[in-house]
Amino acid sequence: MHQTDRLLTADEAAERLGTGVRFVRRLISERRIRYVKLGKYVRIPESVLTAFVEERTVEPVRVRRSRYGRAA
């Protein structure tokens, strides 16, 4: 966690990810994402969400084109 990290609620994290809050709560309950427990409250650091997205980003496959085109 970075010093200037903003702590997000599950609702804010879901909005950032473009998902429902149930998805974020499931990530937390399955411990698939780091979180901070403040008494009864759970907060997710912004850097954790950024890392979560970066780790799951799939790069496109580059298709090699033949110089000769397609056969009929």
C-alpha atoms as a PDB file:
ATOM      1  CA  MET A   1       0.000   0.000   0.000  1.00  0.00           C
ATOM      2  CA  HIS A   2       1.311   3.437  -0.900  1.00  0.00           C
ATOM      3  CA  GLN A   3       1.328   6.343   1.543  1.00  0.00           C
ATOM      4  CA  THR A   4      -1.057   8.419  -0.572  1.00  0.00           C
ATOM      5  CA  ASP A   5      -3.407   5.539  -1.385  1.00  0.00           C
ATOM      6  CA  ARG A   6      -7.054   6.389  -1.050  1.00  0.00           C
ATOM      7  CA  LEU A   7      -9.089   3.729   0.746  1.00  0.00           C
ATOM      8  CA  LEU A   8     -12.243   2.842  -1.178  1.00  0.00           C
ATOM      9  CA  THR A   9     -15.469   1.308   0.022  1.00  0.00           C
ATOM     10  CA  ALA A  10     -16.750  -1.836  -1.689  1.00  0.00           C
ATOM     11  CA  ASP A  11     -19.268   0.343  -3.563  1.00  0.00           C
ATOM     12  CA  GLU A  12     -16.528   2.694  -4.799  1.00  0.00           C
ATOM     13  CA  ALA A  13     -14.303  -0.236  -5.788  1.00  0.00           C
ATOM     14  CA  ALA A  14     -17.174  -1.823  -7.734  1.00  0.00           C
ATOM     15  CA  GLU A  15     -17.787   1.446  -9.553  1.00  0.00           C
ATOM     16  CA  ARG A  16     -14.070   1.707 -10.435  1.00  0.00           C
ATOM     17  CA  LEU A  17     -14.040  -1.863 -11.757  1.00  0.00           C
ATOM     18  CA  GLY A  18     -17.351  -1.461 -13.555  1.00  0.00           C
ATOM     19  CA  THR A  19     -18.829  -4.413 -11.679  1.00  0.00           C
ATOM     20  CA  GLY A  20     -21.445  -5.022  -9.050  1.00  0.00           C
ATOM     21  CA  VAL A  21     -20.636  -4.681  -5.370  1.00  0.00           C
ATOM     22  CA  ARG A  22     -21.324  -8.424  -4.924  1.00  0.00           C
ATOM     23  CA  PHE A  23     -18.290  -9.198  -7.114  1.00  0.00           C
ATOM     24  CA  VAL A  24     -16.029  -7.017  -4.940  1.00  0.00           C
ATOM     25  CA  ARG A  25     -17.424  -8.561  -1.753  1.00  0.00           C
ATOM     26  CA  ARG A  26     -16.767 -12.031  -3.188  1.00  0.00           C
ATOM     27  CA  LEU A  27     -13.164 -11.059  -4.007  1.00  0.00           C
ATOM     28  CA  ILE A  28     -12.784  -9.964  -0.397  1.00  0.00           C
ATOM     29  CA  SER A  29     -14.439 -13.025   1.152  1.00  0.00           C
ATOM     30  CA  GLU A  30     -12.385 -15.395  -1.032  1.00  0.00           C
ATOM     31  CA  ARG A  31      -9.252 -13.338  -0.191  1.00  0.00           C
ATOM     32  CA  ARG A  32      -8.477 -12.863  -3.868  1.00  0.00           C
ATOM     33  CA  ILE A  33      -7.793  -9.176  -3.264  1.00  0.00           C
ATOM     34  CA  ARG A  34      -5.979  -7.377  -0.445  1.00  0.00           C
ATOM     35  CA  TYR A  35      -8.059  -5.176   1.812  1.00  0.00           C
ATOM     36  CA  VAL A  36      -7.822  -3.175   5.017  1.00  0.00           C
ATOM     37  CA  LYS A  37     -10.056  -3.974   7.976  1.00  0.00           C
ATOM     38  CA  LEU A  38     -10.952  -0.900  10.066  1.00  0.00           C
ATOM     39  CA  GLY A  39     -13.110  -2.196  12.887  1.00  0.00           C
ATOM     40  CA  LYS A  40     -16.194  -3.563  11.155  1.00  0.00           C
ATOM     41  CA  TYR A  41     -15.431  -1.642   7.958  1.00  0.00           C
ATOM     42  CA  VAL A  42     -13.530  -3.013   4.980  1.00  0.00           C
ATOM     43  CA  ARG A  43     -11.619  -0.725   2.618  1.00  0.00           C
ATOM     44  CA  ILE A  44      -9.663  -1.461  -0.547  1.00  0.00           C
ATOM     45  CA  PRO A  45      -6.591   0.643  -1.389  1.00  0.00           C
ATOM     46  CA  GLU A  46      -6.638   2.168  -4.893  1.00  0.00           C
ATOM     47  CA  SER A  47      -3.247   0.618  -5.676  1.00  0.00           C
ATOM     48  CA  VAL A  48      -4.683  -2.840  -5.009  1.00  0.00           C
ATOM     49  CA  LEU A  49      -7.408  -2.287  -7.605  1.00  0.00           C
ATOM     50  CA  THR A  50      -4.862  -0.992 -10.114  1.00  0.00           C
ATOM     51  CA  ALA A  51      -2.652  -4.064  -9.565  1.00  0.00           C
ATOM     52  CA  PHE A  52      -5.691  -6.378  -9.778  1.00  0.00           C
ATOM     53  CA  VAL A  53      -6.625  -4.969 -13.189  1.00  0.00           C
ATOM     54  CA  GLU A  54      -3.033  -4.986 -14.477  1.00  0.00           C
ATOM     55  CA  GLU A  55      -2.507  -8.623 -13.445  1.00  0.00           C
ATOM     56  CA  ARG A  56      -5.626  -9.682 -15.323  1.00  0.00           C
ATOM     57  CA  THR A  57      -5.110  -7.603 -18.451  1.00  0.00           C
ATOM     58  CA  VAL A  58      -4.805  -9.845 -21.491  1.00  0.00           C
ATOM     59  CA  GLU A  59      -2.703  -8.558 -24.343  1.00  0.00           C
ATOM     60  CA  PRO A  60      -4.058  -9.026 -27.873  1.00  0.00           C
ATOM     61  CA  VAL A  61      -2.655 -11.779 -30.061  1.00  0.00           C
ATOM     62  CA  ARG A  62      -0.894 -10.436 -33.110  1.00  0.00           C
ATOM     63  CA  VAL A  63      -2.012 -12.252 -36.226  1.00  0.00           C
ATOM     64  CA  ARG A  64       0.699 -12.785 -38.798  1.00  0.00           C
ATOM     65  CA  ARG A  65      -0.573 -12.147 -42.258  1.00  0.00           C
ATOM     66  CA  SER A  66       0.661 -14.240 -45.095  1.00  0.00           C
ATOM     67  CA  ARG A  67       2.223 -12.344 -47.978  1.00  0.00           C
ATOM     68  CA  TYR A  68       0.266 -14.489 -50.404  1.00  0.00           C
ATOM     69  CA  GLY A  69      -3.247 -14.010 -49.071  1.00  0.00           C
ATOM     70  CA  ARG A  70      -5.836 -16.750 -48.791  1.00  0.00           C
ATOM     71  CA  ALA A  71      -6.116 -19.684 -51.134  1.00  0.00           C
ATOM     72  CA  ALA A  72      -9.451 -20.085 -52.892  1.00  0.00           C
END
